Amino acid sequence: MQTKIIWQQNSQKADNTDNLAFISQWWSSLGNKDVTFAQRLIPADGALDKINWDKQRFDEFFTLNNPQIRGITVYWCKLNSDLERNTTPYQLVLDTRRQQLYIFPQSQNQLIIRVGLPEVSYETVEMTNPETECQQLDGKYLLTLRDPIGHIEVKVNLSPENLSQLKQTLLE
């Protein structure tokens, strides 16, 4: 399945209507869920990958109430608020892997809004050329990565399928 679902106003692409329906269904599914809401300016060169999405002062975290797309307008309320907010986009991009919707408002085409489920943050451990060991136990595999200088050991239990996938990824 594709990870980015795109709807664009006035697009003649065959899947444009289906994409809006999919995005609308996803948006509605966020009712009573905690979301992050962030707005950023689009860089002058249009390079969206240069946008810094790290938490900033005016970013919001709230429970979304009654999220809907009516026509092409995106509507929402904060929980315990009667104030319905909305924006009419010229483009919507749903990142299904990160569970985030990027809204490009018609009224402010230099702005992008990102709404989605809170991101999971991972603790990162970096090792350079660790010692490796792999043992087979009860049809599964135990991969051990060891950094003798940093005194760090990471043990990873892998199914045969996960081991195959790891081998394939390493060969790419």
N, C-alpha and C. Protein backbone atom coordinates (compact mmCIF):
# COMPACT_ATOMS: atom_id res chain seq x y z
N MET A 1 0.84 -1.19 0.00
CA MET A 1 0.00 0.00 0.00
C MET A 1 0.88 1.24 0.00
N GLN A 2 0.47 2.23 -0.76
CA GLN A 2 1.24 3.47 -0.80
C GLN A 2 1.20 4.17 0.55
N THR A 3 2.27 4.89 0.87
CA THR A 3 2.33 5.57 2.17
C THR A 3 1.82 7.00 2.09
N LYS A 4 1.71 7.57 0.91
CA LYS A 4 1.20 8.93 0.77
C LYS A 4 -0.04 8.91 -0.13
N ILE A 5 -1.15 9.39 0.42
CA ILE A 5 -2.40 9.50 -0.32
C ILE A 5 -2.60 10.99 -0.57
N ILE A 6 -2.74 11.37 -1.85
CA ILE A 6 -2.80 12.80 -2.20
C ILE A 6 -4.13 13.12 -2.86
N TRP A 7 -4.77 14.18 -2.36
CA TRP A 7 -5.93 14.77 -3.01
C TRP A 7 -5.54 16.19 -3.39
N GLN A 8 -5.90 16.60 -4.60
CA GLN A 8 -5.59 17.94 -5.06
C GLN A 8 -6.82 18.54 -5.74
N GLN A 9 -7.13 19.78 -5.36
CA GLN A 9 -8.28 20.45 -5.94
C GLN A 9 -8.12 20.56 -7.46
N ASN A 10 -9.20 20.30 -8.17
CA ASN A 10 -9.26 20.40 -9.63
C ASN A 10 -8.35 19.40 -10.36
N SER A 11 -7.88 18.38 -9.66
CA SER A 11 -7.05 17.37 -10.32
C SER A 11 -7.92 16.48 -11.19
N GLN A 12 -7.41 16.09 -12.31
CA GLN A 12 -8.13 15.19 -13.21
C GLN A 12 -7.68 13.74 -13.04
N LYS A 13 -6.83 13.47 -12.07
CA LYS A 13 -6.35 12.10 -11.85
C LYS A 13 -7.53 11.22 -11.45
N ALA A 14 -7.51 10.00 -11.97
CA ALA A 14 -8.63 9.08 -11.78
C ALA A 14 -8.88 8.75 -10.30
N ASP A 15 -7.84 8.72 -9.49
CA ASP A 15 -8.00 8.33 -8.09
C ASP A 15 -8.23 9.52 -7.14
N ASN A 16 -8.36 10.73 -7.66
CA ASN A 16 -8.48 11.92 -6.83
C ASN A 16 -9.70 11.85 -5.91
N THR A 17 -10.85 11.46 -6.43
CA THR A 17 -12.08 11.37 -5.64
C THR A 17 -11.96 10.27 -4.58
N ASP A 18 -11.41 9.14 -4.98
CA ASP A 18 -11.21 8.04 -4.02
C ASP A 18 -10.23 8.45 -2.92
N ASN A 19 -9.20 9.19 -3.29
CA ASN A 19 -8.22 9.65 -2.29
C ASN A 19 -8.87 10.57 -1.27
N LEU A 20 -9.75 11.48 -1.74
CA LEU A 20 -10.44 12.37 -0.81
C LEU A 20 -11.34 11.56 0.12
N ALA A 21 -12.00 10.55 -0.40
CA ALA A 21 -12.87 9.70 0.43
C ALA A 21 -12.04 8.96 1.48
N PHE A 22 -10.89 8.45 1.09
CA PHE A 22 -10.01 7.73 2.02
C PHE A 22 -9.51 8.68 3.12
N ILE A 23 -9.06 9.87 2.71
CA ILE A 23 -8.57 10.86 3.67
C ILE A 23 -9.70 11.28 4.61
N SER A 24 -10.89 11.47 4.07
CA SER A 24 -12.04 11.86 4.88
C SER A 24 -12.35 10.80 5.92
N GLN A 25 -12.31 9.55 5.53
CA GLN A 25 -12.56 8.45 6.47
C GLN A 25 -11.47 8.43 7.56
N TRP A 26 -10.22 8.59 7.16
CA TRP A 26 -9.12 8.61 8.14
C TRP A 26 -9.32 9.77 9.10
N TRP A 27 -9.63 10.95 8.58
CA TRP A 27 -9.81 12.15 9.39
C TRP A 27 -10.92 11.93 10.42
N SER A 28 -12.04 11.38 9.98
CA SER A 28 -13.16 11.11 10.89
C SER A 28 -12.78 10.12 11.98
N SER A 29 -11.87 9.20 11.67
CA SER A 29 -11.46 8.19 12.65
C SER A 29 -10.66 8.78 13.81
N LEU A 30 -10.24 10.04 13.69
CA LEU A 30 -9.46 10.68 14.75
C LEU A 30 -10.33 11.25 15.87
N GLY A 31 -11.65 11.13 15.75
CA GLY A 31 -12.54 11.65 16.79
C GLY A 31 -12.21 11.09 18.16
N ASN A 32 -12.09 11.99 19.15
CA ASN A 32 -11.76 11.65 20.54
C ASN A 32 -10.36 11.09 20.72
N LYS A 33 -9.49 11.38 19.78
CA LYS A 33 -8.09 10.96 19.91
C LYS A 33 -7.22 12.20 20.11
N ASP A 34 -6.12 12.01 20.82
CA ASP A 34 -5.15 13.09 21.01
C ASP A 34 -4.35 13.27 19.72
N VAL A 35 -4.19 14.52 19.31
CA VAL A 35 -3.45 14.83 18.09
C VAL A 35 -2.47 15.97 18.35
N THR A 36 -1.50 16.06 17.47
CA THR A 36 -0.62 17.22 17.45
C THR A 36 -1.07 18.08 16.27
N PHE A 37 -0.97 19.38 16.45
CA PHE A 37 -1.41 20.34 15.43
C PHE A 37 -0.29 21.36 15.29
N ALA A 38 0.31 21.43 14.11
CA ALA A 38 1.42 22.35 13.88
C ALA A 38 1.26 23.06 12.55
N GLN A 39 1.63 24.33 12.52
CA GLN A 39 1.60 25.12 11.29
C GLN A 39 3.01 25.62 11.00
N ARG A 40 3.39 25.57 9.75
CA ARG A 40 4.71 26.06 9.35
C ARG A 40 4.58 26.80 8.03
N LEU A 41 5.51 27.72 7.81
CA LEU A 41 5.60 28.39 6.51
C LEU A 41 6.34 27.48 5.55
N ILE A 42 5.87 27.44 4.32
CA ILE A 42 6.55 26.67 3.28
C ILE A 42 7.75 27.50 2.83
N PRO A 43 8.94 26.90 2.74
CA PRO A 43 10.11 27.65 2.30
C PRO A 43 9.88 28.28 0.91
N ALA A 44 10.53 29.39 0.66
CA ALA A 44 10.36 30.13 -0.60
C ALA A 44 10.63 29.24 -1.81
N ASP A 45 11.57 28.29 -1.68
CA ASP A 45 11.87 27.40 -2.80
C ASP A 45 10.90 26.23 -2.89
N GLY A 46 9.94 26.16 -1.96
CA GLY A 46 8.92 25.10 -1.99
C GLY A 46 9.39 23.75 -1.49
N ALA A 47 10.60 23.67 -0.97
CA ALA A 47 11.17 22.39 -0.52
C ALA A 47 10.56 21.98 0.82
N LEU A 48 9.54 21.16 0.76
CA LEU A 48 8.83 20.73 1.97
C LEU A 48 9.71 19.91 2.90
N ASP A 49 10.71 19.21 2.35
CA ASP A 49 11.59 18.40 3.18
C ASP A 49 12.53 19.25 4.05
N LYS A 50 12.58 20.55 3.82
CA LYS A 50 13.41 21.44 4.64
C LYS A 50 12.65 21.99 5.85
N ILE A 51 11.37 21.69 5.95
CA ILE A 51 10.57 22.21 7.07
C ILE A 51 10.98 21.52 8.36
N ASN A 52 11.20 22.32 9.38
CA ASN A 52 11.55 21.80 10.70
C ASN A 52 10.26 21.54 11.48
N TRP A 53 9.94 20.27 11.69
CA TRP A 53 8.73 19.91 12.41
C TRP A 53 8.98 19.66 13.89
N ASP A 54 10.18 19.97 14.38
CA ASP A 54 10.43 19.84 15.82
C ASP A 54 9.45 20.73 16.57
N LYS A 55 9.08 20.32 17.77
CA LYS A 55 8.09 21.05 18.55
C LYS A 55 8.49 22.51 18.71
N GLN A 56 7.51 23.38 18.46
CA GLN A 56 7.72 24.81 18.60
C GLN A 56 6.65 25.39 19.52
N ARG A 57 6.84 26.62 19.90
CA ARG A 57 6.04 27.29 20.93
C ARG A 57 4.53 27.24 20.70
N PHE A 58 4.09 27.46 19.48
CA PHE A 58 2.66 27.56 19.22
C PHE A 58 2.04 26.25 18.74
N ASP A 59 2.81 25.18 18.70
CA ASP A 59 2.24 23.88 18.35
C ASP A 59 1.25 23.48 19.43
N GLU A 60 0.22 22.77 19.03
CA GLU A 60 -0.83 22.38 19.98
C GLU A 60 -0.91 20.86 20.10
N PHE A 61 -1.39 20.43 21.24
CA PHE A 61 -1.68 19.02 21.51
C PHE A 61 -3.04 19.01 22.17
N PHE A 62 -4.02 18.37 21.54
CA PHE A 62 -5.36 18.37 22.09
C PHE A 62 -6.13 17.15 21.61
N THR A 63 -7.28 16.93 22.24
CA THR A 63 -8.17 15.85 21.83
C THR A 63 -9.10 16.40 20.75
N LEU A 64 -9.11 15.73 19.63
CA LEU A 64 -9.89 16.17 18.48
C LEU A 64 -11.34 15.72 18.63
N ASN A 65 -12.25 16.63 18.39
CA ASN A 65 -13.67 16.33 18.50
C ASN A 65 -14.36 16.60 17.16
N ASN A 66 -15.18 15.67 16.74
CA ASN A 66 -16.01 15.82 15.56
C ASN A 66 -15.25 16.21 14.28
N PRO A 67 -14.16 15.50 13.98
CA PRO A 67 -13.44 15.81 12.73
C PRO A 67 -14.24 15.33 11.53
N GLN A 68 -14.41 16.20 10.55
CA GLN A 68 -15.18 15.88 9.35
C GLN A 68 -14.58 16.60 8.14
N ILE A 69 -14.82 16.03 6.98
CA ILE A 69 -14.58 16.75 5.73
C ILE A 69 -15.94 16.84 5.06
N ARG A 70 -16.41 18.06 4.88
CA ARG A 70 -17.68 18.31 4.20
C ARG A 70 -17.36 19.08 2.92
N GLY A 71 -17.75 18.49 1.79
CA GLY A 71 -17.30 19.05 0.52
C GLY A 71 -15.82 18.79 0.44
N ILE A 72 -15.05 19.88 0.40
CA ILE A 72 -13.59 19.73 0.47
C ILE A 72 -13.04 20.45 1.71
N THR A 73 -13.91 20.97 2.55
CA THR A 73 -13.47 21.72 3.73
C THR A 73 -13.25 20.78 4.91
N VAL A 74 -12.14 20.98 5.59
CA VAL A 74 -11.75 20.17 6.74
C VAL A 74 -12.24 20.89 8.00
N TYR A 75 -13.06 20.19 8.81
CA TYR A 75 -13.64 20.75 10.03
C TYR A 75 -13.15 19.97 11.24
N TRP A 76 -13.04 20.68 12.38
CA TRP A 76 -12.69 20.03 13.64
C TRP A 76 -13.00 20.95 14.81
N CYS A 77 -13.10 20.36 15.97
CA CYS A 77 -13.24 21.09 17.24
C CYS A 77 -12.26 20.48 18.22
N LYS A 78 -11.91 21.26 19.21
CA LYS A 78 -11.18 20.71 20.34
C LYS A 78 -12.22 20.14 21.30
N LEU A 79 -11.86 19.08 21.99
CA LEU A 79 -12.77 18.50 22.96
C LEU A 79 -13.18 19.56 23.97
N ASN A 80 -14.45 19.55 24.37
CA ASN A 80 -15.02 20.51 25.33
C ASN A 80 -15.05 21.94 24.81
N SER A 81 -15.09 22.10 23.49
CA SER A 81 -15.21 23.43 22.90
C SER A 81 -16.31 23.39 21.84
N ASP A 82 -17.11 24.42 21.80
CA ASP A 82 -18.15 24.51 20.79
C ASP A 82 -17.66 25.24 19.54
N LEU A 83 -16.44 25.78 19.59
CA LEU A 83 -15.90 26.53 18.46
C LEU A 83 -15.42 25.57 17.38
N GLU A 84 -16.16 25.54 16.27
CA GLU A 84 -15.75 24.69 15.15
C GLU A 84 -14.75 25.44 14.30
N ARG A 85 -13.62 24.81 14.06
CA ARG A 85 -12.59 25.41 13.22
C ARG A 85 -12.62 24.70 11.88
N ASN A 86 -12.14 25.40 10.84
CA ASN A 86 -12.12 24.78 9.51
C ASN A 86 -11.11 25.46 8.62
N THR A 87 -10.76 24.75 7.58
CA THR A 87 -9.95 25.32 6.51
C THR A 87 -10.28 24.58 5.23
N THR A 88 -10.27 25.32 4.13
CA THR A 88 -10.52 24.73 2.82
C THR A 88 -9.17 24.59 2.13
N PRO A 89 -8.76 23.37 1.84
CA PRO A 89 -7.43 23.16 1.25
C PRO A 89 -7.45 23.15 -0.27
N TYR A 90 -6.28 23.40 -0.84
CA TYR A 90 -6.11 23.15 -2.27
C TYR A 90 -5.44 21.80 -2.46
N GLN A 91 -4.88 21.27 -1.34
CA GLN A 91 -4.25 19.95 -1.40
C GLN A 91 -4.24 19.33 0.00
N LEU A 92 -4.43 18.01 0.05
CA LEU A 92 -4.30 17.23 1.27
C LEU A 92 -3.34 16.08 0.98
N VAL A 93 -2.42 15.83 1.91
CA VAL A 93 -1.50 14.71 1.76
C VAL A 93 -1.55 13.92 3.07
N LEU A 94 -1.96 12.67 2.97
CA LEU A 94 -2.02 11.79 4.14
C LEU A 94 -0.83 10.84 4.11
N ASP A 95 0.00 10.92 5.13
CA ASP A 95 1.11 10.00 5.30
C ASP A 95 0.59 8.86 6.17
N THR A 96 0.25 7.74 5.54
CA THR A 96 -0.36 6.64 6.28
C THR A 96 0.63 5.95 7.21
N ARG A 97 1.91 6.00 6.91
CA ARG A 97 2.90 5.36 7.77
C ARG A 97 3.07 6.14 9.06
N ARG A 98 3.14 7.46 8.97
CA ARG A 98 3.32 8.30 10.17
C ARG A 98 1.99 8.74 10.78
N GLN A 99 0.87 8.45 10.07
CA GLN A 99 -0.47 8.82 10.54
C GLN A 99 -0.58 10.33 10.74
N GLN A 100 -0.19 11.08 9.69
CA GLN A 100 -0.24 12.54 9.73
C GLN A 100 -0.86 13.06 8.44
N LEU A 101 -1.70 14.09 8.60
CA LEU A 101 -2.33 14.74 7.46
C LEU A 101 -1.71 16.11 7.28
N TYR A 102 -1.27 16.40 6.06
CA TYR A 102 -0.71 17.70 5.71
C TYR A 102 -1.78 18.45 4.93
N ILE A 103 -2.16 19.60 5.46
CA ILE A 103 -3.22 20.41 4.88
C ILE A 103 -2.60 21.67 4.29
N PHE A 104 -2.89 21.94 3.03
CA PHE A 104 -2.38 23.12 2.34
C PHE A 104 -3.57 24.06 2.12
N PRO A 105 -3.76 25.08 2.99
CA PRO A 105 -4.95 25.95 2.91
C PRO A 105 -4.96 26.83 1.66
N GLN A 106 -6.15 26.95 1.07
CA GLN A 106 -6.32 27.85 -0.08
C GLN A 106 -6.05 29.29 0.30
N SER A 107 -6.50 29.68 1.49
CA SER A 107 -6.43 31.08 1.90
C SER A 107 -5.01 31.55 2.22
N GLN A 108 -4.12 30.62 2.49
CA GLN A 108 -2.73 30.97 2.81
C GLN A 108 -1.82 29.95 2.14
N ASN A 109 -1.56 30.14 0.85
CA ASN A 109 -0.83 29.11 0.13
C ASN A 109 0.66 29.03 0.46
N GLN A 110 1.14 29.87 1.38
CA GLN A 110 2.52 29.76 1.85
C GLN A 110 2.58 28.97 3.17
N LEU A 111 1.42 28.44 3.62
CA LEU A 111 1.31 27.76 4.91
C LEU A 111 1.02 26.28 4.71
N ILE A 112 1.54 25.47 5.62
CA ILE A 112 1.21 24.05 5.66
C ILE A 112 0.84 23.71 7.11
N ILE A 113 -0.20 22.91 7.27
CA ILE A 113 -0.65 22.48 8.59
C ILE A 113 -0.46 20.97 8.65
N ARG A 114 0.11 20.51 9.76
CA ARG A 114 0.26 19.06 9.96
C ARG A 114 -0.54 18.66 11.19
N VAL A 115 -1.46 17.73 11.01
CA VAL A 115 -2.27 17.21 12.10
C VAL A 115 -2.12 15.70 12.10
N GLY A 116 -1.88 15.13 13.26
CA GLY A 116 -1.77 13.68 13.29
C GLY A 116 -1.61 13.13 14.68
N LEU A 117 -1.52 11.84 14.71
CA LEU A 117 -1.29 11.17 15.98
C LEU A 117 0.10 11.54 16.46
N PRO A 118 0.28 11.63 17.78
CA PRO A 118 1.60 11.99 18.30
C PRO A 118 2.65 11.00 17.80
N GLU A 119 3.80 11.55 17.48
CA GLU A 119 4.88 10.71 17.00
C GLU A 119 5.47 9.91 18.14
N VAL A 120 5.84 8.69 17.83
CA VAL A 120 6.53 7.85 18.80
C VAL A 120 8.01 8.22 18.73
N SER A 121 8.60 8.45 19.87
CA SER A 121 10.02 8.74 19.87
C SER A 121 10.78 7.51 20.35
N TYR A 122 11.87 7.24 19.70
CA TYR A 122 12.67 6.07 20.00
C TYR A 122 13.99 6.50 20.62
N GLU A 123 14.46 5.71 21.56
CA GLU A 123 15.79 5.94 22.11
C GLU A 123 16.76 5.33 21.12
N THR A 124 17.75 6.09 20.72
CA THR A 124 18.71 5.63 19.73
C THR A 124 20.03 5.27 20.41
N VAL A 125 20.52 4.10 20.07
CA VAL A 125 21.83 3.65 20.55
C VAL A 125 22.67 3.44 19.30
N GLU A 126 23.79 4.15 19.23
CA GLU A 126 24.67 4.00 18.07
C GLU A 126 25.90 3.20 18.45
N MET A 127 26.24 2.24 17.58
CA MET A 127 27.44 1.44 17.75
C MET A 127 28.18 1.43 16.43
N THR A 128 29.48 1.52 16.49
CA THR A 128 30.28 1.44 15.28
C THR A 128 30.99 0.10 15.27
N ASN A 129 30.73 -0.68 14.24
CA ASN A 129 31.32 -2.00 14.08
C ASN A 129 31.24 -2.85 15.35
N PRO A 130 30.02 -3.11 15.84
CA PRO A 130 29.91 -3.92 17.05
C PRO A 130 30.27 -5.38 16.78
N GLU A 131 30.59 -6.07 17.85
CA GLU A 131 30.75 -7.51 17.75
C GLU A 131 29.35 -8.09 17.54
N THR A 132 29.25 -9.12 16.71
CA THR A 132 27.94 -9.71 16.46
C THR A 132 27.97 -11.20 16.76
N GLU A 133 26.81 -11.69 17.17
CA GLU A 133 26.66 -13.11 17.46
C GLU A 133 25.21 -13.47 17.15
N CYS A 134 24.99 -14.63 16.54
CA CYS A 134 23.63 -15.05 16.25
C CYS A 134 23.47 -16.51 16.67
N GLN A 135 22.44 -16.77 17.48
CA GLN A 135 22.17 -18.12 17.96
C GLN A 135 20.75 -18.51 17.58
N GLN A 136 20.57 -19.80 17.26
CA GLN A 136 19.22 -20.28 16.98
C GLN A 136 18.69 -20.94 18.25
N LEU A 137 17.49 -20.49 18.68
CA LEU A 137 16.86 -21.01 19.88
C LEU A 137 15.39 -21.28 19.59
N ASP A 138 14.95 -22.52 19.68
CA ASP A 138 13.54 -22.88 19.51
C ASP A 138 12.93 -22.33 18.23
N GLY A 139 13.63 -22.43 17.11
CA GLY A 139 13.09 -21.97 15.83
C GLY A 139 13.17 -20.47 15.63
N LYS A 140 13.69 -19.75 16.60
CA LYS A 140 13.88 -18.30 16.48
C LYS A 140 15.38 -18.02 16.54
N TYR A 141 15.72 -16.79 16.28
CA TYR A 141 17.13 -16.41 16.26
C TYR A 141 17.36 -15.27 17.23
N LEU A 142 18.48 -15.36 17.95
CA LEU A 142 18.87 -14.31 18.89
C LEU A 142 20.11 -13.64 18.32
N LEU A 143 19.95 -12.38 17.91
CA LEU A 143 21.05 -11.59 17.38
C LEU A 143 21.55 -10.71 18.50
N THR A 144 22.85 -10.80 18.79
CA THR A 144 23.45 -9.98 19.84
C THR A 144 24.46 -9.04 19.21
N LEU A 145 24.32 -7.75 19.53
CA LEU A 145 25.27 -6.72 19.10
C LEU A 145 25.96 -6.22 20.36
N ARG A 146 27.28 -6.20 20.34
CA ARG A 146 28.02 -5.86 21.56
C ARG A 146 29.09 -4.82 21.24
N ASP A 147 29.11 -3.76 22.05
CA ASP A 147 30.15 -2.72 21.96
C ASP A 147 31.00 -2.84 23.21
N PRO A 148 32.17 -3.49 23.10
CA PRO A 148 32.99 -3.71 24.30
C PRO A 148 33.57 -2.42 24.88
N ILE A 149 33.72 -1.38 24.06
CA ILE A 149 34.27 -0.12 24.56
C ILE A 149 33.21 0.64 25.35
N GLY A 150 32.00 0.73 24.80
CA GLY A 150 30.91 1.44 25.47
C GLY A 150 30.16 0.59 26.48
N HIS A 151 30.52 -0.69 26.55
CA HIS A 151 29.86 -1.63 27.47
C HIS A 151 28.35 -1.66 27.24
N ILE A 152 27.98 -1.78 25.95
CA ILE A 152 26.57 -1.85 25.58
C ILE A 152 26.34 -3.18 24.87
N GLU A 153 25.24 -3.83 25.22
CA GLU A 153 24.86 -5.06 24.56
C GLU A 153 23.38 -4.96 24.20
N VAL A 154 23.07 -5.26 22.94
CA VAL A 154 21.69 -5.25 22.47
C VAL A 154 21.35 -6.65 22.00
N LYS A 155 20.25 -7.21 22.52
CA LYS A 155 19.80 -8.53 22.11
C LYS A 155 18.49 -8.37 21.34
N VAL A 156 18.42 -8.99 20.16
CA VAL A 156 17.26 -8.87 19.30
C VAL A 156 16.76 -10.28 18.97
N ASN A 157 15.49 -10.55 19.34
CA ASN A 157 14.87 -11.84 19.00
C ASN A 157 14.21 -11.71 17.64
N LEU A 158 14.55 -12.62 16.72
CA LEU A 158 14.03 -12.57 15.36
C LEU A 158 13.34 -13.87 14.98
N SER A 159 12.19 -13.76 14.34
CA SER A 159 11.55 -14.93 13.74
C SER A 159 12.33 -15.26 12.47
N PRO A 160 12.14 -16.44 11.91
CA PRO A 160 12.81 -16.76 10.64
C PRO A 160 12.48 -15.73 9.54
N GLU A 161 11.22 -15.23 9.54
CA GLU A 161 10.82 -14.24 8.54
C GLU A 161 11.57 -12.92 8.74
N ASN A 162 11.68 -12.49 10.02
CA ASN A 162 12.41 -11.26 10.30
C ASN A 162 13.88 -11.39 9.95
N LEU A 163 14.46 -12.57 10.20
CA LEU A 163 15.86 -12.80 9.85
C LEU A 163 16.05 -12.72 8.34
N SER A 164 15.13 -13.33 7.59
CA SER A 164 15.21 -13.24 6.12
C SER A 164 15.11 -11.82 5.63
N GLN A 165 14.19 -11.06 6.25
CA GLN A 165 14.02 -9.66 5.87
C GLN A 165 15.28 -8.85 6.18
N LEU A 166 15.90 -9.12 7.34
CA LEU A 166 17.15 -8.43 7.70
C LEU A 166 18.24 -8.76 6.71
N LYS A 167 18.37 -10.03 6.34
CA LYS A 167 19.39 -10.43 5.37
C LYS A 167 19.15 -9.71 4.04
N GLN A 168 17.89 -9.66 3.60
CA GLN A 168 17.57 -8.99 2.33
C GLN A 168 17.90 -7.51 2.40
N THR A 169 17.56 -6.87 3.52
CA THR A 169 17.85 -5.45 3.69
C THR A 169 19.36 -5.19 3.66
N LEU A 170 20.13 -6.06 4.29
CA LEU A 170 21.58 -5.89 4.32
C LEU A 170 22.21 -6.07 2.94
N LEU A 171 21.59 -6.87 2.09
CA LEU A 171 22.12 -7.11 0.74
C LEU A 171 21.78 -5.98 -0.21
N GLU A 172 20.78 -5.15 0.11
CA GLU A 172 20.36 -4.08 -0.80
C GLU A 172 21.35 -2.94 -0.82
